Structure formats: C-alpha cells, structure tokens
Amino acid sequence: QVQLVESGGGSVQAGGSLRLSCAASRSAYSSGCMGWFRQSPGKEREGVAVIGGGSTIYVDSVKGRFTISQDNAKNTLYLQMNSLKPEDTGMYYCAADRAQIRCALYWSPLSPSNFDYWGLGTQVTVSS
C-alpha cells in the first residue's frame, strides 16, 4: 500500500521552530527524489525542499532556515524549520516520485508535477 503520513505541524510564533516528519510505506519511499511542499489558501502548491540522489534543493525563501533530511532505515523524511515567519504558514505536504529519478535531473526539481505520491498534509501556522 502506498502511503505517506505527515506529522509535526502546529502553531508557533515568528522566530520559532518546528520539525515535520513524513513516514512512508516501503512502496512509497523513493530512492530517487522526495520532497516537501506547501500550500496556503488561494495560492498554488509550492515546492519547499527536495532531497535525493545526493542533492538537496531549496526554494530561495527558506534557504538558511529549513533543512530537509531523510532516514532510509526508517523510510522517513524530515523538514527542520527554524526562524519561522508568518509567510511560512500553510499546509505542508510530503511527496515522493515513482520513477526514482534523482532530484537534480529534473528540469524543475521543485515542481509538484514531478511527484506521484502525496500525503494528506500537516498544518503549520506562524503568528507574528
């Protein structure tokens, strides 16, 4: 069964930290590319960070503040978020590609269209 389950979201004040986790079933966990995406009301889903094939790629707005990592033994993906800002508010989704292509080989690595498996999301709210 293909399954991705996010956890760790919550409400924090600006400047705070959260650590998101994504537990993946064996069939969903990708040795190619996995990532975190976010979406807020009225906006398109945005790629936050991806990891795979020896590379990590971040959207400019989170560089230096967020860190993506994975534990292959646990089939788990993480996103450590520090120095959170109100504009980081949104539903955060975990995703994995089925083709197991290394992230850096995608024309646009942070594009949601690269990913086939999605979790249901965890809400992150940052207040000023």
N, C-alpha and C. Protein backbone atom coordinates (compact mmCIF):
# COMPACT_ATOMS: atom_id res chain seq x y z
N GLN A 1 0.85 -1.19 0.00
CA GLN A 1 0.00 0.00 0.00
C GLN A 1 0.89 1.24 0.00
N VAL A 2 0.60 2.15 -0.91
CA VAL A 2 1.34 3.39 -1.00
C VAL A 2 0.80 4.37 0.03
N GLN A 3 1.64 4.83 0.93
CA GLN A 3 1.16 5.73 1.98
C GLN A 3 2.26 6.66 2.46
N LEU A 4 1.92 7.93 2.59
CA LEU A 4 2.80 8.94 3.17
C LEU A 4 1.99 9.66 4.24
N VAL A 5 2.53 9.72 5.45
CA VAL A 5 1.80 10.33 6.57
C VAL A 5 2.68 11.38 7.23
N GLU A 6 2.21 12.63 7.15
CA GLU A 6 2.95 13.74 7.74
C GLU A 6 2.54 13.96 9.20
N SER A 7 3.46 14.50 9.97
CA SER A 7 3.17 14.88 11.35
C SER A 7 4.13 15.99 11.77
N GLY A 8 3.83 16.62 12.89
CA GLY A 8 4.73 17.63 13.44
C GLY A 8 4.31 19.06 13.23
N GLY A 9 3.23 19.27 12.51
CA GLY A 9 2.76 20.63 12.32
C GLY A 9 2.20 21.22 13.61
N GLY A 10 1.91 22.50 13.58
CA GLY A 10 1.35 23.16 14.76
C GLY A 10 1.36 24.66 14.60
N SER A 11 1.10 25.34 15.72
CA SER A 11 1.08 26.80 15.74
C SER A 11 2.25 27.31 16.56
N VAL A 12 3.01 28.22 15.98
CA VAL A 12 4.16 28.79 16.67
C VAL A 12 4.21 30.29 16.40
N GLN A 13 4.95 30.99 17.24
CA GLN A 13 5.18 32.41 16.98
C GLN A 13 6.36 32.58 16.04
N ALA A 14 6.40 33.72 15.40
CA ALA A 14 7.50 34.02 14.49
C ALA A 14 8.83 33.89 15.23
N GLY A 15 9.79 33.27 14.55
CA GLY A 15 11.09 33.02 15.16
C GLY A 15 11.20 31.63 15.76
N GLY A 16 10.09 30.95 15.89
CA GLY A 16 10.08 29.62 16.47
C GLY A 16 10.49 28.54 15.49
N SER A 17 10.45 27.30 15.97
CA SER A 17 10.88 26.15 15.16
C SER A 17 9.86 25.03 15.22
N LEU A 18 9.83 24.26 14.16
CA LEU A 18 9.04 23.03 14.09
C LEU A 18 9.84 22.00 13.30
N ARG A 19 9.58 20.73 13.60
CA ARG A 19 10.18 19.64 12.82
C ARG A 19 9.06 18.76 12.29
N LEU A 20 8.96 18.72 10.98
CA LEU A 20 7.97 17.88 10.33
C LEU A 20 8.58 16.52 10.02
N SER A 21 7.73 15.49 10.10
CA SER A 21 8.14 14.15 9.75
C SER A 21 7.17 13.58 8.73
N CYS A 22 7.66 12.70 7.88
CA CYS A 22 6.83 12.02 6.90
C CYS A 22 7.20 10.55 6.92
N ALA A 23 6.30 9.74 7.44
CA ALA A 23 6.51 8.30 7.47
C ALA A 23 5.94 7.70 6.19
N ALA A 24 6.78 6.97 5.48
CA ALA A 24 6.38 6.43 4.18
C ALA A 24 6.34 4.92 4.21
N SER A 25 5.37 4.36 3.53
CA SER A 25 5.36 2.92 3.32
C SER A 25 6.54 2.56 2.41
N ARG A 26 6.93 1.28 2.45
CA ARG A 26 8.08 0.89 1.67
C ARG A 26 7.85 1.15 0.19
N SER A 27 6.64 0.96 -0.26
CA SER A 27 6.34 1.14 -1.69
C SER A 27 6.32 2.61 -2.09
N ALA A 28 6.16 3.50 -1.11
CA ALA A 28 6.10 4.93 -1.41
C ALA A 28 7.46 5.60 -1.26
N TYR A 29 8.29 5.07 -0.41
CA TYR A 29 9.58 5.71 -0.14
C TYR A 29 10.44 5.63 -1.39
N SER A 30 10.97 6.76 -1.79
CA SER A 30 11.68 6.82 -3.06
C SER A 30 13.18 6.97 -2.85
N SER A 31 13.93 6.18 -3.58
CA SER A 31 15.37 6.35 -3.57
C SER A 31 15.80 7.40 -4.59
N GLY A 32 14.82 7.97 -5.28
CA GLY A 32 15.12 8.98 -6.28
C GLY A 32 14.98 10.38 -5.73
N CYS A 33 13.77 10.80 -5.54
CA CYS A 33 13.53 12.17 -5.09
C CYS A 33 12.30 12.21 -4.19
N MET A 34 12.45 12.84 -3.04
CA MET A 34 11.33 13.10 -2.15
C MET A 34 11.37 14.57 -1.76
N GLY A 35 10.23 15.08 -1.34
CA GLY A 35 10.23 16.50 -1.04
C GLY A 35 9.10 16.97 -0.16
N TRP A 36 9.21 18.22 0.23
CA TRP A 36 8.18 18.91 1.00
C TRP A 36 7.62 20.05 0.18
N PHE A 37 6.32 20.19 0.23
CA PHE A 37 5.61 21.24 -0.49
C PHE A 37 4.66 21.93 0.48
N ARG A 38 4.24 23.12 0.14
CA ARG A 38 3.28 23.81 0.99
C ARG A 38 2.27 24.56 0.14
N GLN A 39 1.12 24.77 0.74
CA GLN A 39 0.06 25.48 0.03
C GLN A 39 -0.77 26.27 1.04
N SER A 40 -1.02 27.51 0.73
CA SER A 40 -1.89 28.34 1.56
C SER A 40 -3.12 28.71 0.73
N PRO A 41 -4.21 29.10 1.39
CA PRO A 41 -5.46 29.38 0.67
C PRO A 41 -5.26 30.40 -0.45
N GLY A 42 -5.77 30.05 -1.61
CA GLY A 42 -5.71 30.96 -2.75
C GLY A 42 -4.40 30.95 -3.50
N LYS A 43 -3.46 30.12 -3.06
CA LYS A 43 -2.16 30.05 -3.72
C LYS A 43 -1.90 28.65 -4.26
N GLU A 44 -1.02 28.59 -5.25
CA GLU A 44 -0.65 27.30 -5.79
C GLU A 44 0.30 26.56 -4.85
N ARG A 45 0.31 25.24 -4.99
CA ARG A 45 1.23 24.44 -4.20
C ARG A 45 2.66 24.79 -4.60
N GLU A 46 3.52 24.98 -3.61
CA GLU A 46 4.89 25.44 -3.84
C GLU A 46 5.89 24.42 -3.31
N GLY A 47 6.92 24.15 -4.10
CA GLY A 47 7.98 23.29 -3.63
C GLY A 47 8.85 24.01 -2.61
N VAL A 48 9.07 23.37 -1.47
CA VAL A 48 9.88 23.96 -0.40
C VAL A 48 11.29 23.40 -0.42
N ALA A 49 11.40 22.08 -0.46
CA ALA A 49 12.71 21.43 -0.46
C ALA A 49 12.57 20.01 -0.98
N VAL A 50 13.59 19.55 -1.69
CA VAL A 50 13.62 18.18 -2.18
C VAL A 50 14.96 17.58 -1.87
N ILE A 51 14.99 16.25 -1.78
CA ILE A 51 16.23 15.54 -1.46
C ILE A 51 16.25 14.22 -2.21
N GLY A 52 17.45 13.86 -2.67
CA GLY A 52 17.59 12.59 -3.34
C GLY A 52 18.76 12.57 -4.28
N GLY A 53 19.37 11.40 -4.44
CA GLY A 53 20.49 11.28 -5.35
C GLY A 53 21.69 12.10 -4.95
N GLY A 54 21.81 12.34 -3.64
CA GLY A 54 22.96 13.08 -3.16
C GLY A 54 22.82 14.58 -3.18
N SER A 55 21.65 15.09 -3.50
CA SER A 55 21.47 16.53 -3.55
C SER A 55 20.26 16.97 -2.74
N THR A 56 20.35 18.20 -2.27
CA THR A 56 19.22 18.85 -1.62
C THR A 56 19.00 20.19 -2.31
N ILE A 57 17.76 20.53 -2.55
CA ILE A 57 17.43 21.76 -3.27
C ILE A 57 16.32 22.46 -2.49
N TYR A 58 16.48 23.77 -2.30
CA TYR A 58 15.54 24.56 -1.52
C TYR A 58 15.01 25.73 -2.34
N VAL A 59 13.79 26.11 -2.06
CA VAL A 59 13.28 27.35 -2.61
C VAL A 59 14.02 28.50 -1.90
N ASP A 60 14.25 29.59 -2.59
CA ASP A 60 15.07 30.68 -2.05
C ASP A 60 14.55 31.20 -0.71
N SER A 61 13.27 31.24 -0.55
CA SER A 61 12.69 31.85 0.65
C SER A 61 12.97 31.10 1.94
N VAL A 62 13.43 29.84 1.85
CA VAL A 62 13.69 29.06 3.06
C VAL A 62 15.17 28.73 3.24
N LYS A 63 16.00 29.09 2.30
CA LYS A 63 17.43 28.78 2.39
C LYS A 63 18.02 29.38 3.66
N GLY A 64 18.79 28.56 4.37
CA GLY A 64 19.40 29.00 5.61
C GLY A 64 18.51 28.85 6.82
N ARG A 65 17.24 28.54 6.61
CA ARG A 65 16.29 28.39 7.73
C ARG A 65 15.74 26.96 7.83
N PHE A 66 15.52 26.31 6.70
CA PHE A 66 14.96 24.97 6.69
C PHE A 66 16.03 23.96 6.28
N THR A 67 15.90 22.74 6.83
CA THR A 67 16.80 21.66 6.45
C THR A 67 16.00 20.40 6.21
N ILE A 68 16.16 19.83 5.02
CA ILE A 68 15.49 18.58 4.68
C ILE A 68 16.47 17.44 4.90
N SER A 69 15.96 16.32 5.41
CA SER A 69 16.80 15.16 5.63
C SER A 69 15.94 13.91 5.54
N GLN A 70 16.60 12.76 5.48
CA GLN A 70 15.87 11.51 5.40
C GLN A 70 16.61 10.42 6.14
N ASP A 71 15.85 9.47 6.65
CA ASP A 71 16.40 8.30 7.33
C ASP A 71 15.93 7.09 6.54
N ASN A 72 16.81 6.56 5.71
CA ASN A 72 16.43 5.45 4.83
C ASN A 72 16.06 4.20 5.62
N ALA A 73 16.68 4.01 6.76
CA ALA A 73 16.37 2.83 7.58
C ALA A 73 14.94 2.87 8.12
N LYS A 74 14.43 4.08 8.30
CA LYS A 74 13.08 4.25 8.85
C LYS A 74 12.07 4.67 7.80
N ASN A 75 12.50 4.80 6.56
CA ASN A 75 11.60 5.26 5.48
C ASN A 75 10.91 6.57 5.89
N THR A 76 11.68 7.48 6.42
CA THR A 76 11.11 8.71 6.95
C THR A 76 11.85 9.93 6.40
N LEU A 77 11.06 10.92 6.07
CA LEU A 77 11.56 12.20 5.57
C LEU A 77 11.30 13.26 6.62
N TYR A 78 12.23 14.20 6.78
CA TYR A 78 12.08 15.25 7.79
C TYR A 78 12.23 16.64 7.17
N LEU A 79 11.67 17.62 7.85
CA LEU A 79 11.91 19.01 7.50
C LEU A 79 12.06 19.79 8.80
N GLN A 80 13.27 20.21 9.09
CA GLN A 80 13.52 21.06 10.25
C GLN A 80 13.34 22.50 9.83
N MET A 81 12.44 23.20 10.50
CA MET A 81 12.11 24.58 10.14
C MET A 81 12.46 25.49 11.31
N ASN A 82 13.41 26.37 11.10
CA ASN A 82 13.84 27.33 12.11
C ASN A 82 13.54 28.75 11.65
N SER A 83 13.56 29.67 12.59
CA SER A 83 13.32 31.09 12.29
C SER A 83 12.07 31.26 11.44
N LEU A 84 11.01 30.63 11.87
CA LEU A 84 9.77 30.65 11.10
C LEU A 84 9.19 32.05 10.99
N LYS A 85 8.58 32.30 9.84
CA LYS A 85 7.97 33.59 9.55
C LYS A 85 6.48 33.39 9.26
N PRO A 86 5.68 34.42 9.43
CA PRO A 86 4.25 34.29 9.13
C PRO A 86 3.99 33.81 7.69
N GLU A 87 4.84 34.18 6.76
CA GLU A 87 4.65 33.76 5.38
C GLU A 87 4.95 32.28 5.16
N ASP A 88 5.46 31.60 6.18
CA ASP A 88 5.65 30.15 6.09
C ASP A 88 4.36 29.39 6.40
N THR A 89 3.35 30.08 6.81
CA THR A 89 2.08 29.45 7.15
C THR A 89 1.48 28.73 5.95
N GLY A 90 0.96 27.53 6.18
CA GLY A 90 0.33 26.77 5.12
C GLY A 90 0.21 25.31 5.48
N MET A 91 -0.40 24.56 4.58
CA MET A 91 -0.46 23.11 4.71
C MET A 91 0.78 22.55 4.06
N TYR A 92 1.50 21.73 4.80
CA TYR A 92 2.74 21.14 4.30
C TYR A 92 2.51 19.69 3.92
N TYR A 93 2.96 19.35 2.72
CA TYR A 93 2.77 18.02 2.17
C TYR A 93 4.11 17.35 1.89
N CYS A 94 4.14 16.06 2.10
CA CYS A 94 5.28 15.23 1.75
C CYS A 94 4.95 14.55 0.42
N ALA A 95 5.96 14.36 -0.43
CA ALA A 95 5.74 13.73 -1.72
C ALA A 95 6.94 12.89 -2.12
N ALA A 96 6.66 11.91 -2.97
CA ALA A 96 7.73 11.05 -3.49
C ALA A 96 7.48 10.78 -4.96
N ASP A 97 8.56 10.60 -5.72
CA ASP A 97 8.40 10.29 -7.13
C ASP A 97 8.39 8.79 -7.32
N ARG A 98 7.66 8.31 -8.29
CA ARG A 98 7.57 6.88 -8.57
C ARG A 98 8.71 6.42 -9.48
N ALA A 99 9.20 7.32 -10.31
CA ALA A 99 10.23 6.95 -11.29
C ALA A 99 11.60 6.83 -10.66
N GLN A 100 11.75 7.30 -9.43
CA GLN A 100 13.02 7.24 -8.70
C GLN A 100 14.14 7.90 -9.50
N ILE A 101 13.84 9.09 -9.96
CA ILE A 101 14.83 9.91 -10.68
C ILE A 101 15.48 10.84 -9.67
N ARG A 102 16.78 10.98 -9.75
CA ARG A 102 17.48 11.88 -8.86
C ARG A 102 16.96 13.31 -9.04
N CYS A 103 16.80 14.01 -7.92
CA CYS A 103 16.19 15.33 -7.94
C CYS A 103 16.88 16.27 -8.95
N ALA A 104 18.19 16.25 -8.96
CA ALA A 104 18.93 17.20 -9.78
C ALA A 104 18.73 16.98 -11.27
N LEU A 105 18.19 15.81 -11.64
CA LEU A 105 17.99 15.53 -13.07
C LEU A 105 16.67 16.08 -13.60
N TYR A 106 15.78 16.49 -12.71
CA TYR A 106 14.53 17.09 -13.16
C TYR A 106 14.80 18.49 -13.71
N TRP A 107 14.06 18.85 -14.75
CA TRP A 107 14.21 20.18 -15.33
C TRP A 107 13.90 21.25 -14.29
N SER A 108 12.86 21.01 -13.51
CA SER A 108 12.47 21.92 -12.42
C SER A 108 12.27 21.07 -11.17
N PRO A 109 13.31 20.88 -10.39
CA PRO A 109 13.26 19.92 -9.29
C PRO A 109 12.17 20.18 -8.25
N LEU A 110 11.77 21.44 -8.08
CA LEU A 110 10.78 21.76 -7.06
C LEU A 110 9.35 21.76 -7.58
N SER A 111 9.17 21.33 -8.81
CA SER A 111 7.83 21.31 -9.37
C SER A 111 7.00 20.15 -8.82
N PRO A 112 5.79 20.44 -8.33
CA PRO A 112 4.93 19.35 -7.83
C PRO A 112 4.63 18.29 -8.89
N SER A 113 4.70 18.65 -10.15
CA SER A 113 4.35 17.71 -11.22
C SER A 113 5.32 16.54 -11.32
N ASN A 114 6.48 16.65 -10.67
CA ASN A 114 7.45 15.55 -10.69
C ASN A 114 7.06 14.40 -9.78
N PHE A 115 6.09 14.62 -8.91
CA PHE A 115 5.83 13.70 -7.81
C PHE A 115 4.49 13.00 -7.96
N ASP A 116 4.50 11.71 -7.62
CA ASP A 116 3.33 10.87 -7.85
C ASP A 116 2.57 10.53 -6.57
N TYR A 117 3.29 10.44 -5.47
CA TYR A 117 2.67 10.03 -4.21
C TYR A 117 2.66 11.22 -3.25
N TRP A 118 1.51 11.41 -2.60
CA TRP A 118 1.33 12.57 -1.73
C TRP A 118 0.68 12.17 -0.42
N GLY A 119 1.10 12.83 0.66
CA GLY A 119 0.41 12.68 1.92
C GLY A 119 -0.77 13.63 2.00
N LEU A 120 -1.49 13.57 3.11
CA LEU A 120 -2.66 14.43 3.29
C LEU A 120 -2.31 15.79 3.87
N GLY A 121 -1.10 15.94 4.37
CA GLY A 121 -0.65 17.25 4.83
C GLY A 121 -0.73 17.45 6.33
N THR A 122 0.07 18.40 6.80
CA THR A 122 0.04 18.82 8.20
C THR A 122 0.09 20.35 8.21
N GLN A 123 -0.74 20.96 9.04
CA GLN A 123 -0.87 22.42 9.04
C GLN A 123 0.22 23.08 9.88
N VAL A 124 0.81 24.11 9.31
CA VAL A 124 1.78 24.94 10.03
C VAL A 124 1.24 26.38 10.05
N THR A 125 1.13 26.93 11.24
CA THR A 125 0.64 28.31 11.39
C THR A 125 1.66 29.11 12.20
N VAL A 126 2.12 30.19 11.61
CA VAL A 126 3.11 31.05 12.26
C VAL A 126 2.49 32.42 12.49
N SER A 127 2.42 32.82 13.74
CA SER A 127 1.81 34.10 14.08
C SER A 127 2.90 35.15 14.35
N SER A 128 2.55 36.38 14.05
CA SER A 128 3.53 37.47 14.22
C SER A 128 3.50 38.03 15.64
